[in-house]
Amino acid sequence: MSDRQRIDLWLFRARFAKTRAAAARLVSEGGVRLVHDGVPRRLEKPSVEVARGDTLMFPHLGKLVVVRVEGLGLRRGPAKEARVLYSERDAEPFA
């Protein structure tokens, strides 16, 4: 298994988007920010890859969500399986 995964695929498998196309649209519209190795940036391409330890910030269900990538999913499984792919964080890395 790779140590990196496309952001659109990760958002889909972590159940933050109902479809991979919806995840790609969220990224393309500039709705996702990434902190990788301490460097924050706004993502514009769904092909950008994330790794364990990266922090993501994006809108979800009407609120701003900040999560740390804890794992890379092999499939879009049930919510319980998706929940181990991330941990919730404060918004401080983006301040």
PDB file of N, CA and C in Angstrom:
ATOM      1  N   MET A   1       0.847  -1.190   0.000  1.00  0.00           N
ATOM      2  CA  MET A   1       0.000   0.000   0.000  1.00  0.00           C
ATOM      3  C   MET A   1       0.888   1.247   0.000  1.00  0.00           C
ATOM      4  N   SER A   2       0.478   2.246  -0.743  1.00  0.00           N
ATOM      5  CA  SER A   2       1.232   3.490  -0.860  1.00  0.00           C
ATOM      6  C   SER A   2       1.150   4.292   0.441  1.00  0.00           C
ATOM      7  N   ASP A   3       2.125   5.165   0.637  1.00  0.00           N
ATOM      8  CA  ASP A   3       2.108   6.011   1.828  1.00  0.00           C
ATOM      9  C   ASP A   3       1.476   7.364   1.537  1.00  0.00           C
ATOM     10  N   ARG A   4       0.913   7.523   0.323  1.00  0.00           N
ATOM     11  CA  ARG A   4       0.230   8.756  -0.081  1.00  0.00           C
ATOM     12  C   ARG A   4      -1.048   8.391  -0.835  1.00  0.00           C
ATOM     13  N   GLN A   5      -2.012   9.334  -0.851  1.00  0.00           N
ATOM     14  CA  GLN A   5      -3.275   9.092  -1.537  1.00  0.00           C
ATOM     15  C   GLN A   5      -3.829  10.415  -2.049  1.00  0.00           C
ATOM     16  N   ARG A   6      -4.473  10.384  -3.219  1.00  0.00           N
ATOM     17  CA  ARG A   6      -5.090  11.582  -3.772  1.00  0.00           C
ATOM     18  C   ARG A   6      -6.095  12.148  -2.770  1.00  0.00           C
ATOM     19  N   ILE A   7      -6.145  13.484  -2.681  1.00  0.00           N
ATOM     20  CA  ILE A   7      -7.031  14.137  -1.720  1.00  0.00           C
ATOM     21  C   ILE A   7      -8.503  13.835  -2.010  1.00  0.00           C
ATOM     22  N   ASP A   8      -8.896  13.801  -3.297  1.00  0.00           N
ATOM     23  CA  ASP A   8     -10.305  13.520  -3.596  1.00  0.00           C
ATOM     24  C   ASP A   8     -10.684  12.106  -3.170  1.00  0.00           C
ATOM     25  N   LEU A   9      -9.802  11.163  -3.377  1.00  0.00           N
ATOM     26  CA  LEU A   9     -10.058   9.785  -2.976  1.00  0.00           C
ATOM     27  C   LEU A   9     -10.104   9.667  -1.454  1.00  0.00           C
ATOM     28  N   TRP A  10      -9.198  10.359  -0.771  1.00  0.00           N
ATOM     29  CA  TRP A  10      -9.197  10.304   0.688  1.00  0.00           C
ATOM     30  C   TRP A  10     -10.485  10.892   1.262  1.00  0.00           C
ATOM     31  N   LEU A  11     -10.905  12.058   0.766  1.00  0.00           N
ATOM     32  CA  LEU A  11     -12.144  12.682   1.256  1.00  0.00           C
ATOM     33  C   LEU A  11     -13.351  11.767   1.034  1.00  0.00           C
ATOM     34  N   PHE A  12     -13.388  11.082  -0.088  1.00  0.00           N
ATOM     35  CA  PHE A  12     -14.468  10.146  -0.397  1.00  0.00           C
ATOM     36  C   PHE A  12     -14.430   8.945   0.545  1.00  0.00           C
ATOM     37  N   ARG A  13     -13.279   8.346   0.710  1.00  0.00           N
ATOM     38  CA  ARG A  13     -13.161   7.156   1.554  1.00  0.00           C
ATOM     39  C   ARG A  13     -13.335   7.465   3.031  1.00  0.00           C
ATOM     40  N   ALA A  14     -12.998   8.682   3.454  1.00  0.00           N
ATOM     41  CA  ALA A  14     -13.199   9.091   4.850  1.00  0.00           C
ATOM     42  C   ALA A  14     -14.630   9.578   5.081  1.00  0.00           C
ATOM     43  N   ARG A  15     -15.449   9.506   4.040  1.00  0.00           N
ATOM     44  CA  ARG A  15     -16.880   9.828   4.085  1.00  0.00           C
ATOM     45  C   ARG A  15     -17.174  11.302   4.355  1.00  0.00           C
ATOM     46  N   PHE A  16     -16.287  12.190   3.873  1.00  0.00           N
ATOM     47  CA  PHE A  16     -16.552  13.619   3.936  1.00  0.00           C
ATOM     48  C   PHE A  16     -17.252  14.096   2.664  1.00  0.00           C
ATOM     49  N   ALA A  17     -17.302  13.249   1.637  1.00  0.00           N
ATOM     50  CA  ALA A  17     -17.994  13.561   0.389  1.00  0.00           C
ATOM     51  C   ALA A  17     -18.753  12.312  -0.042  1.00  0.00           C
ATOM     52  N   LYS A  18     -19.968  12.505  -0.572  1.00  0.00           N
ATOM     53  CA  LYS A  18     -20.787  11.363  -0.976  1.00  0.00           C
ATOM     54  C   LYS A  18     -20.263  10.670  -2.219  1.00  0.00           C
ATOM     55  N   THR A  19     -19.595  11.430  -3.091  1.00  0.00           N
ATOM     56  CA  THR A  19     -19.016  10.853  -4.301  1.00  0.00           C
ATOM     57  C   THR A  19     -17.601  11.383  -4.470  1.00  0.00           C
ATOM     58  N   ARG A  20     -16.828  10.676  -5.266  1.00  0.00           N
ATOM     59  CA  ARG A  20     -15.476  11.163  -5.534  1.00  0.00           C
ATOM     60  C   ARG A  20     -15.537  12.445  -6.354  1.00  0.00           C
ATOM     61  N   ALA A  21     -16.527  12.550  -7.230  1.00  0.00           N
ATOM     62  CA  ALA A  21     -16.699  13.773  -8.031  1.00  0.00           C
ATOM     63  C   ALA A  21     -16.996  14.969  -7.126  1.00  0.00           C
ATOM     64  N   ALA A  22     -17.813  14.768  -6.093  1.00  0.00           N
ATOM     65  CA  ALA A  22     -18.110  15.854  -5.147  1.00  0.00           C
ATOM     66  C   ALA A  22     -16.850  16.259  -4.385  1.00  0.00           C
ATOM     67  N   ALA A  23     -16.020  15.285  -4.030  1.00  0.00           N
ATOM     68  CA  ALA A  23     -14.756  15.585  -3.347  1.00  0.00           C
ATOM     69  C   ALA A  23     -13.832  16.370  -4.274  1.00  0.00           C
ATOM     70  N   ALA A  24     -13.760  15.966  -5.528  1.00  0.00           N
ATOM     71  CA  ALA A  24     -12.913  16.662  -6.505  1.00  0.00           C
ATOM     72  C   ALA A  24     -13.392  18.093  -6.706  1.00  0.00           C
ATOM     73  N   ARG A  25     -14.710  18.286  -6.736  1.00  0.00           N
ATOM     74  CA  ARG A  25     -15.284  19.621  -6.904  1.00  0.00           C
ATOM     75  C   ARG A  25     -14.945  20.508  -5.707  1.00  0.00           C
ATOM     76  N   LEU A  26     -15.033  19.970  -4.500  1.00  0.00           N
ATOM     77  CA  LEU A  26     -14.689  20.724  -3.294  1.00  0.00           C
ATOM     78  C   LEU A  26     -13.243  21.217  -3.364  1.00  0.00           C
ATOM     79  N   VAL A  27     -12.348  20.351  -3.793  1.00  0.00           N
ATOM     80  CA  VAL A  27     -10.936  20.725  -3.906  1.00  0.00           C
ATOM     81  C   VAL A  27     -10.738  21.743  -5.025  1.00  0.00           C
ATOM     82  N   SER A  28     -11.331  21.487  -6.189  1.00  0.00           N
ATOM     83  CA  SER A  28     -11.166  22.373  -7.351  1.00  0.00           C
ATOM     84  C   SER A  28     -11.673  23.786  -7.087  1.00  0.00           C
ATOM     85  N   GLU A  29     -12.697  23.904  -6.264  1.00  0.00           N
ATOM     86  CA  GLU A  29     -13.273  25.211  -5.953  1.00  0.00           C
ATOM     87  C   GLU A  29     -12.493  25.930  -4.845  1.00  0.00           C
ATOM     88  N   GLY A  30     -11.391  25.342  -4.406  1.00  0.00           N
ATOM     89  CA  GLY A  30     -10.540  25.996  -3.402  1.00  0.00           C
ATOM     90  C   GLY A  30     -11.027  25.849  -1.985  1.00  0.00           C
ATOM     91  N   GLY A  31     -11.868  24.849  -1.720  1.00  0.00           N
ATOM     92  CA  GLY A  31     -12.446  24.689  -0.392  1.00  0.00           C
ATOM     93  C   GLY A  31     -11.602  23.915   0.599  1.00  0.00           C
ATOM     94  N   VAL A  32     -10.446  23.403   0.164  1.00  0.00           N
ATOM     95  CA  VAL A  32      -9.634  22.570   1.053  1.00  0.00           C
ATOM     96  C   VAL A  32      -8.254  23.199   1.241  1.00  0.00           C
ATOM     97  N   ARG A  33      -7.830  23.256   2.500  1.00  0.00           N
ATOM     98  CA  ARG A  33      -6.480  23.717   2.819  1.00  0.00           C
ATOM     99  C   ARG A  33      -5.727  22.553   3.451  1.00  0.00           C
ATOM    100  N   LEU A  34      -4.425  22.511   3.174  1.00  0.00           N
ATOM    101  CA  LEU A  34      -3.570  21.422   3.626  1.00  0.00           C
ATOM    102  C   LEU A  34      -2.350  21.972   4.344  1.00  0.00           C
ATOM    103  N   VAL A  35      -1.983  21.351   5.462  1.00  0.00           N
ATOM    104  CA  VAL A  35      -0.715  21.643   6.111  1.00  0.00           C
ATOM    105  C   VAL A  35       0.117  20.375   6.000  1.00  0.00           C
ATOM    106  N   HIS A  36       1.206  20.459   5.248  1.00  0.00           N
ATOM    107  CA  HIS A  36       2.114  19.328   5.057  1.00  0.00           C
ATOM    108  C   HIS A  36       3.514  19.780   5.445  1.00  0.00           C
ATOM    109  N   ASP A  37       4.138  19.078   6.351  1.00  0.00           N
ATOM    110  CA  ASP A  37       5.469  19.437   6.858  1.00  0.00           C
ATOM    111  C   ASP A  37       5.508  20.877   7.372  1.00  0.00           C
ATOM    112  N   GLY A  38       4.411  21.311   8.013  1.00  0.00           N
ATOM    113  CA  GLY A  38       4.354  22.647   8.594  1.00  0.00           C
ATOM    114  C   GLY A  38       4.059  23.777   7.622  1.00  0.00           C
ATOM    115  N   VAL A  39       3.865  23.450   6.343  1.00  0.00           N
ATOM    116  CA  VAL A  39       3.616  24.478   5.326  1.00  0.00           C
ATOM    117  C   VAL A  39       2.141  24.430   4.901  1.00  0.00           C
ATOM    118  N   PRO A  40       1.367  25.489   5.212  1.00  0.00           N
ATOM    119  CA  PRO A  40      -0.048  25.505   4.801  1.00  0.00           C
ATOM    120  C   PRO A  40      -0.208  25.976   3.357  1.00  0.00           C
ATOM    121  N   ARG A  41      -1.204  25.413   2.672  1.00  0.00           N
ATOM    122  CA  ARG A  41      -1.526  25.882   1.319  1.00  0.00           C
ATOM    123  C   ARG A  41      -2.956  25.498   0.961  1.00  0.00           C
ATOM    124  N   ARG A  42      -3.529  26.283   0.054  1.00  0.00           N
ATOM    125  CA  ARG A  42      -4.872  26.019  -0.457  1.00  0.00           C
ATOM    126  C   ARG A  42      -4.737  25.080  -1.646  1.00  0.00           C
ATOM    127  N   LEU A  43      -5.541  24.035  -1.658  1.00  0.00           N
ATOM    128  CA  LEU A  43      -5.473  23.068  -2.749  1.00  0.00           C
ATOM    129  C   LEU A  43      -6.425  23.461  -3.869  1.00  0.00           C
ATOM    130  N   GLU A  44      -6.006  23.247  -5.096  1.00  0.00           N
ATOM    131  CA  GLU A  44      -6.840  23.545  -6.255  1.00  0.00           C
ATOM    132  C   GLU A  44      -6.980  22.354  -7.189  1.00  0.00           C
ATOM    133  N   LYS A  45      -6.155  21.327  -6.998  1.00  0.00           N
ATOM    134  CA  LYS A  45      -6.194  20.155  -7.865  1.00  0.00           C
ATOM    135  C   LYS A  45      -6.523  18.907  -7.048  1.00  0.00           C
ATOM    136  N   PRO A  46      -7.526  18.131  -7.488  1.00  0.00           N
ATOM    137  CA  PRO A  46      -7.895  16.912  -6.768  1.00  0.00           C
ATOM    138  C   PRO A  46      -6.814  15.835  -6.812  1.00  0.00           C
ATOM    139  N   SER A  47      -5.796  16.017  -7.641  1.00  0.00           N
ATOM    140  CA  SER A  47      -4.727  15.023  -7.753  1.00  0.00           C
ATOM    141  C   SER A  47      -3.639  15.205  -6.700  1.00  0.00           C
ATOM    142  N   VAL A  48      -3.715  16.276  -5.906  1.00  0.00           N
ATOM    143  CA  VAL A  48      -2.727  16.489  -4.835  1.00  0.00           C
ATOM    144  C   VAL A  48      -2.826  15.312  -3.865  1.00  0.00           C
ATOM    145  N   GLU A  49      -1.679  14.826  -3.426  1.00  0.00           N
ATOM    146  CA  GLU A  49      -1.673  13.676  -2.537  1.00  0.00           C
ATOM    147  C   GLU A  49      -1.476  14.091  -1.088  1.00  0.00           C
ATOM    148  N   VAL A  50      -2.129  13.351  -0.190  1.00  0.00           N
ATOM    149  CA  VAL A  50      -1.982  13.568   1.245  1.00  0.00           C
ATOM    150  C   VAL A  50      -1.294  12.353   1.847  1.00  0.00           C
ATOM    151  N   ALA A  51      -0.712  12.545   3.018  1.00  0.00           N
ATOM    152  CA  ALA A  51      -0.021  11.473   3.725  1.00  0.00           C
ATOM    153  C   ALA A  51      -0.438  11.495   5.191  1.00  0.00           C
ATOM    154  N   ARG A  52      -0.156  10.414   5.884  1.00  0.00           N
ATOM    155  CA  ARG A  52      -0.419  10.375   7.323  1.00  0.00           C
ATOM    156  C   ARG A  52       0.309  11.543   7.989  1.00  0.00           C
ATOM    157  N   GLY A  53      -0.376  12.207   8.909  1.00  0.00           N
ATOM    158  CA  GLY A  53       0.219  13.339   9.607  1.00  0.00           C
ATOM    159  C   GLY A  53      -0.141  14.692   9.018  1.00  0.00           C
ATOM    160  N   ASP A  54      -0.657  14.714   7.786  1.00  0.00           N
ATOM    161  CA  ASP A  54      -1.095  15.976   7.183  1.00  0.00           C
ATOM    162  C   ASP A  54      -2.348  16.468   7.893  1.00  0.00           C
ATOM    163  N   THR A  55      -2.538  17.783   7.911  1.00  0.00           N
ATOM    164  CA  THR A  55      -3.741  18.385   8.482  1.00  0.00           C
ATOM    165  C   THR A  55      -4.540  19.014   7.356  1.00  0.00           C
ATOM    166  N   LEU A  56      -5.861  18.807   7.383  1.00  0.00           N
ATOM    167  CA  LEU A  56      -6.763  19.350   6.365  1.00  0.00           C
ATOM    168  C   LEU A  56      -7.823  20.211   7.016  1.00  0.00           C
ATOM    169  N   MET A  57      -8.234  21.281   6.325  1.00  0.00           N
ATOM    170  CA  MET A  57      -9.325  22.137   6.775  1.00  0.00           C
ATOM    171  C   MET A  57     -10.258  22.335   5.594  1.00  0.00           C
ATOM    172  N   PHE A  58     -11.573  22.121   5.817  1.00  0.00           N
ATOM    173  CA  PHE A  58     -12.551  22.250   4.742  1.00  0.00           C
ATOM    174  C   PHE A  58     -13.957  22.365   5.337  1.00  0.00           C
ATOM    175  N   PRO A  59     -14.898  22.916   4.562  1.00  0.00           N
ATOM    176  CA  PRO A  59     -16.276  22.997   5.041  1.00  0.00           C
ATOM    177  C   PRO A  59     -16.960  21.640   4.909  1.00  0.00           C
ATOM    178  N   HIS A  60     -17.774  21.283   5.913  1.00  0.00           N
ATOM    179  CA  HIS A  60     -18.514  20.017   5.873  1.00  0.00           C
ATOM    180  C   HIS A  60     -19.781  20.167   6.697  1.00  0.00           C
ATOM    181  N   LEU A  61     -20.910  19.947   6.060  1.00  0.00           N
ATOM    182  CA  LEU A  61     -22.220  20.025   6.717  1.00  0.00           C
ATOM    183  C   LEU A  61     -22.426  21.343   7.455  1.00  0.00           C
ATOM    184  N   GLY A  62     -22.029  22.438   6.828  1.00  0.00           N
ATOM    185  CA  GLY A  62     -22.278  23.763   7.363  1.00  0.00           C
ATOM    186  C   GLY A  62     -21.291  24.248   8.418  1.00  0.00           C
ATOM    187  N   LYS A  63     -20.234  23.496   8.661  1.00  0.00           N
ATOM    188  CA  LYS A  63     -19.236  23.960   9.622  1.00  0.00           C
ATOM    189  C   LYS A  63     -17.840  23.706   9.070  1.00  0.00           C
ATOM    190  N   LEU A  64     -16.870  24.371   9.670  1.00  0.00           N
ATOM    191  CA  LEU A  64     -15.485  24.215   9.266  1.00  0.00           C
ATOM    192  C   LEU A  64     -14.874  23.052  10.036  1.00  0.00           C
ATOM    193  N   VAL A  65     -14.310  22.094   9.313  1.00  0.00           N
ATOM    194  CA  VAL A  65     -13.751  20.889   9.908  1.00  0.00           C
ATOM    195  C   VAL A  65     -12.230  20.910   9.757  1.00  0.00           C
ATOM    196  N   VAL A  66     -11.520  20.580  10.828  1.00  0.00           N
ATOM    197  CA  VAL A  66     -10.064  20.449  10.788  1.00  0.00           C
ATOM    198  C   VAL A  66      -9.738  19.041  11.266  1.00  0.00           C
ATOM    199  N   VAL A  67      -9.060  18.281  10.410  1.00  0.00           N
ATOM    200  CA  VAL A  67      -8.724  16.903  10.743  1.00  0.00           C
ATOM    201  C   VAL A  67      -7.260  16.612  10.429  1.00  0.00           C
ATOM    202  N   ARG A  68      -6.722  15.647  11.133  1.00  0.00           N
ATOM    203  CA  ARG A  68      -5.371  15.140  10.862  1.00  0.00           C
ATOM    204  C   ARG A  68      -5.539  13.789  10.192  1.00  0.00           C
ATOM    205  N   VAL A  69      -4.844  13.563   9.097  1.00  0.00           N
ATOM    206  CA  VAL A  69      -4.902  12.298   8.379  1.00  0.00           C
ATOM    207  C   VAL A  69      -4.162  11.249   9.203  1.00  0.00           C
ATOM    208  N   GLU A  70      -4.890  10.228   9.644  1.00  0.00           N
ATOM    209  CA  GLU A  70      -4.306   9.157  10.457  1.00  0.00           C
ATOM    210  C   GLU A  70      -4.092   7.881   9.648  1.00  0.00           C
ATOM    211  N   GLY A  71      -4.800   7.759   8.545  1.00  0.00           N
ATOM    212  CA  GLY A  71      -4.688   6.556   7.732  1.00  0.00           C
ATOM    213  C   GLY A  71      -5.183   6.804   6.326  1.00  0.00           C
ATOM    214  N   LEU A  72      -4.853   5.872   5.431  1.00  0.00           N
ATOM    215  CA  LEU A  72      -5.271   5.947   4.035  1.00  0.00           C
ATOM    216  C   LEU A  72      -6.150   4.729   3.754  1.00  0.00           C
ATOM    217  N   GLY A  73      -7.403   4.974   3.427  1.00  0.00           N
ATOM    218  CA  GLY A  73      -8.347   3.889   3.245  1.00  0.00           C
ATOM    219  C   GLY A  73      -8.149   3.123   1.949  1.00  0.00           C
ATOM    220  N   LEU A  74      -8.441   1.831   2.002  1.00  0.00           N
ATOM    221  CA  LEU A  74      -8.392   0.986   0.810  1.00  0.00           C
ATOM    222  C   LEU A  74      -9.722   0.999   0.062  1.00  0.00           C
ATOM    223  N   ARG A  75     -10.789   1.374   0.784  1.00  0.00           N
ATOM    224  CA  ARG A  75     -12.124   1.401   0.178  1.00  0.00           C
ATOM    225  C   ARG A  75     -12.990   2.377   0.962  1.00  0.00           C
ATOM    226  N   ARG A  76     -14.170   2.665   0.412  1.00  0.00           N
ATOM    227  CA  ARG A  76     -15.146   3.470   1.146  1.00  0.00           C
ATOM    228  C   ARG A  76     -15.998   2.491   1.946  1.00  0.00           C
ATOM    229  N   GLY A  77     -15.671   2.339   3.184  1.00  0.00           N
ATOM    230  CA  GLY A  77     -16.386   1.396   4.032  1.00  0.00           C
ATOM    231  C   GLY A  77     -17.420   2.096   4.892  1.00  0.00           C
ATOM    232  N   PRO A  78     -17.908   1.402   5.901  1.00  0.00           N
ATOM    233  CA  PRO A  78     -18.885   2.001   6.814  1.00  0.00           C
ATOM    234  C   PRO A  78     -18.256   3.141   7.615  1.00  0.00           C
ATOM    235  N   ALA A  79     -19.102   3.950   8.236  1.00  0.00           N
ATOM    236  CA  ALA A  79     -18.642   5.122   8.981  1.00  0.00           C
ATOM    237  C   ALA A  79     -17.620   4.752  10.055  1.00  0.00           C
ATOM    238  N   LYS A  80     -17.817   3.643  10.720  1.00  0.00           N
ATOM    239  CA  LYS A  80     -16.892   3.212  11.773  1.00  0.00           C
ATOM    240  C   LYS A  80     -15.493   2.979  11.195  1.00  0.00           C
ATOM    241  N   GLU A  81     -15.421   2.394  10.022  1.00  0.00           N
ATOM    242  CA  GLU A  81     -14.148   2.153   9.349  1.00  0.00           C
ATOM    243  C   GLU A  81     -13.522   3.472   8.885  1.00  0.00           C
ATOM    244  N   ALA A  82     -14.342   4.378   8.387  1.00  0.00           N
ATOM    245  CA  ALA A  82     -13.855   5.674   7.902  1.00  0.00           C
ATOM    246  C   ALA A  82     -13.325   6.527   9.053  1.00  0.00           C
ATOM    247  N   ARG A  83     -13.909   6.391  10.218  1.00  0.00           N
ATOM    248  CA  ARG A  83     -13.545   7.232  11.374  1.00  0.00           C
ATOM    249  C   ARG A  83     -12.095   7.038  11.818  1.00  0.00           C
ATOM    250  N   VAL A  84     -11.492   5.883  11.538  1.00  0.00           N
ATOM    251  CA  VAL A  84     -10.104   5.656  11.942  1.00  0.00           C
ATOM    252  C   VAL A  84      -9.116   6.316  10.977  1.00  0.00           C
ATOM    253  N   LEU A  85      -9.607   6.887   9.875  1.00  0.00           N
ATOM    254  CA  LEU A  85      -8.731   7.531   8.895  1.00  0.00           C
ATOM    255  C   LEU A  85      -8.325   8.938   9.312  1.00  0.00           C
ATOM    256  N   TYR A  86      -8.972   9.500  10.344  1.00  0.00           N
ATOM    257  CA  TYR A  86      -8.675  10.883  10.744  1.00  0.00           C
ATOM    258  C   TYR A  86      -8.941  11.097  12.229  1.00  0.00           C
ATOM    259  N   SER A  87      -8.372  12.190  12.743  1.00  0.00           N
ATOM    260  CA  SER A  87      -8.686  12.648  14.093  1.00  0.00           C
ATOM    261  C   SER A  87      -8.994  14.137  13.992  1.00  0.00           C
ATOM    262  N   GLU A  88      -9.950  14.580  14.767  1.00  0.00           N
ATOM    263  CA  GLU A  88     -10.357  15.987  14.718  1.00  0.00           C
ATOM    264  C   GLU A  88      -9.338  16.848  15.449  1.00  0.00           C
ATOM    265  N   ARG A  89      -9.157  18.071  14.930  1.00  0.00           N
ATOM    266  CA  ARG A  89      -8.168  19.002  15.467  1.00  0.00           C
ATOM    267  C   ARG A  89      -8.764  20.382  15.650  1.00  0.00           C
ATOM    268  N   ASP A  90      -8.006  21.264  16.315  1.00  0.00           N
ATOM    269  CA  ASP A  90      -8.356  22.679  16.421  1.00  0.00           C
ATOM    270  C   ASP A  90      -7.892  23.379  15.154  1.00  0.00           C
ATOM    271  N   ALA A  91      -8.350  24.595  14.941  1.00  0.00           N
ATOM    272  CA  ALA A  91      -7.990  25.350  13.741  1.00  0.00           C
ATOM    273  C   ALA A  91      -6.674  26.106  13.888  1.00  0.00           C
ATOM    274  N   GLU A  92      -5.924  25.890  14.958  1.00  0.00           N
ATOM    275  CA  GLU A  92      -4.710  26.671  15.178  1.00  0.00           C
ATOM    276  C   GLU A  92      -3.644  26.567  14.095  1.00  0.00           C
ATOM    277  N   PRO A  93      -3.427  25.410  13.374  1.00  0.00           N
ATOM    278  CA  PRO A  93      -2.392  25.410  12.345  1.00  0.00           C
ATOM    279  C   PRO A  93      -2.678  26.396  11.207  1.00  0.00           C
ATOM    280  N   PHE A  94      -3.924  26.867  11.111  1.00  0.00           N
ATOM    281  CA  PHE A  94      -4.325  27.729  10.015  1.00  0.00           C
ATOM    282  C   PHE A  94      -4.424  29.178  10.432  1.00  0.00           C
ATOM    283  N   ALA A  95      -4.175  29.458  11.697  1.00  0.00           N
ATOM    284  CA  ALA A  95      -4.308  30.840  12.186  1.00  0.00           C
ATOM    285  C   ALA A  95      -3.231  31.734  11.629  1.00  0.00           C
TER     286      ALA A  95
END
